[in-house]
Protein backbone atom coordinates (compact mmCIF):
# COMPACT_ATOMS: atom_id res chain seq x y z
CA MET A 1 -6.00 2.72 -18.74
CA ASN A 2 -7.92 5.92 -17.87
CA MET A 3 -6.83 6.65 -14.33
CA GLU A 4 -7.22 10.49 -14.47
CA GLN A 5 -9.47 10.55 -11.37
CA LEU A 6 -6.85 8.79 -9.33
CA GLU A 7 -4.00 11.00 -10.72
CA THR A 8 -6.19 14.02 -10.00
CA LEU A 9 -6.75 13.15 -6.44
CA LYS A 10 -2.96 12.49 -5.86
CA LYS A 11 -2.08 15.82 -7.35
CA ARG A 12 -4.65 17.76 -5.26
CA LEU A 13 -3.62 16.00 -2.00
CA ASP A 14 0.04 16.78 -2.81
CA LYS A 15 -0.84 20.49 -3.17
CA ILE A 16 -2.17 20.65 0.48
CA GLY A 17 0.77 18.70 1.77
CA VAL A 18 -0.71 15.25 2.05
CA ASP A 19 1.39 12.42 0.45
CA VAL A 20 -0.46 9.34 -0.46
CA GLU A 21 0.97 6.23 -1.99
CA PHE A 22 -1.15 3.68 -3.71
CA ALA A 23 -0.73 -0.07 -4.38
CA ALA A 24 -2.50 -2.28 -6.89
CA ASN A 25 -3.47 -5.93 -6.92
CA TYR A 26 -5.78 -6.34 -9.84
CA PRO A 27 -8.53 -5.34 -9.84
CA TRP A 28 -8.16 -3.45 -6.50
CA ILE A 29 -6.41 -0.15 -5.94
CA TYR A 30 -5.39 0.37 -2.26
CA ILE A 31 -4.17 3.37 -0.30
CA TRP A 32 -0.85 2.09 0.87
CA LYS A 33 0.64 4.96 2.80
CA ILE A 34 -0.49 8.37 3.99
CA ASN A 35 2.26 10.76 4.78
CA GLY A 36 4.71 7.85 5.16
CA LYS A 37 2.52 5.95 7.58
CA ARG A 38 1.33 2.51 6.45
CA VAL A 39 -2.42 2.21 6.29
CA THR A 40 -3.67 -0.76 8.28
CA GLU A 41 -7.43 -0.40 7.93
CA THR A 42 -9.41 -2.48 5.40
CA PHE A 43 -12.26 -1.35 3.28
CA GLU A 44 -14.13 -3.44 0.63
CA ALA A 45 -11.25 -5.88 0.64
CA ASN A 46 -9.38 -8.28 2.96
CA HIS A 47 -5.83 -6.91 2.44
CA GLY A 48 -6.10 -3.13 2.34
CA PHE A 49 -8.18 0.08 2.11
CA THR A 50 -9.69 -0.02 -1.37
CA VAL A 51 -9.94 3.30 -3.06
CA GLY A 52 -11.25 1.94 -6.43
CA PHE A 53 -11.25 -0.91 -8.85
CA LEU A 54 -9.39 -1.21 -12.08
CA PRO A 55 -11.94 -1.33 -15.01
CA ALA A 56 -12.31 -4.70 -16.87
CA ARG A 57 -12.00 -2.91 -20.21
CA ARG A 58 -9.67 -0.12 -21.24
CA ASP A 59 -12.36 2.12 -22.45
CA LYS A 60 -14.04 2.17 -19.05
CA PRO A 61 -13.19 4.85 -16.62
CA PHE A 62 -11.84 4.30 -13.05
CA HIS A 63 -14.40 4.62 -10.27
CA PHE A 64 -13.83 5.33 -6.64
CA THR A 65 -15.33 3.08 -4.00
CA ASN A 66 -16.57 5.72 -1.50
CA LEU A 67 -15.08 9.19 -1.46
CA SER A 68 -16.38 10.05 2.01
CA GLU A 69 -14.78 6.97 3.58
CA ILE A 70 -11.52 7.73 1.65
CA PHE A 71 -11.36 11.35 3.07
CA LYS A 72 -12.24 10.01 6.52
CA LEU A 73 -9.19 7.81 6.46
CA ILE A 74 -6.99 10.57 5.11
CA ARG A 75 -8.22 13.00 7.91
CA LYS A 76 -7.56 10.23 10.56
CA TYR A 77 -3.92 9.73 9.41
CA CYS A 78 -3.30 13.53 9.01
CA ASN A 79 -4.82 14.39 12.41
CA ARG A 80 -2.44 12.00 13.99
CA GLN A 81 0.49 13.98 12.53
CA GLY A 82 -0.99 17.44 13.19
CA TYR A 83 -2.31 18.03 9.66
CA LEU A 84 -5.77 19.26 8.52
């Protein structure tokens, strides 16, 4: 599957010292942890903070749900730990 956008986000966050872990439950992709802290908020799902959905077909690209909401969540968890 074409998950380049998600891989790019992970690499860029790693470069600035933010470690994110993702979890999947087809078709949802969740942010599972940020800097080792378990994410408890939900967004566009009942069981986690959804960053995107896996495409139904292999030739379709991955799409983020809402980048501004994703970065708000990342800032919230980083500010708790003295980052950003």
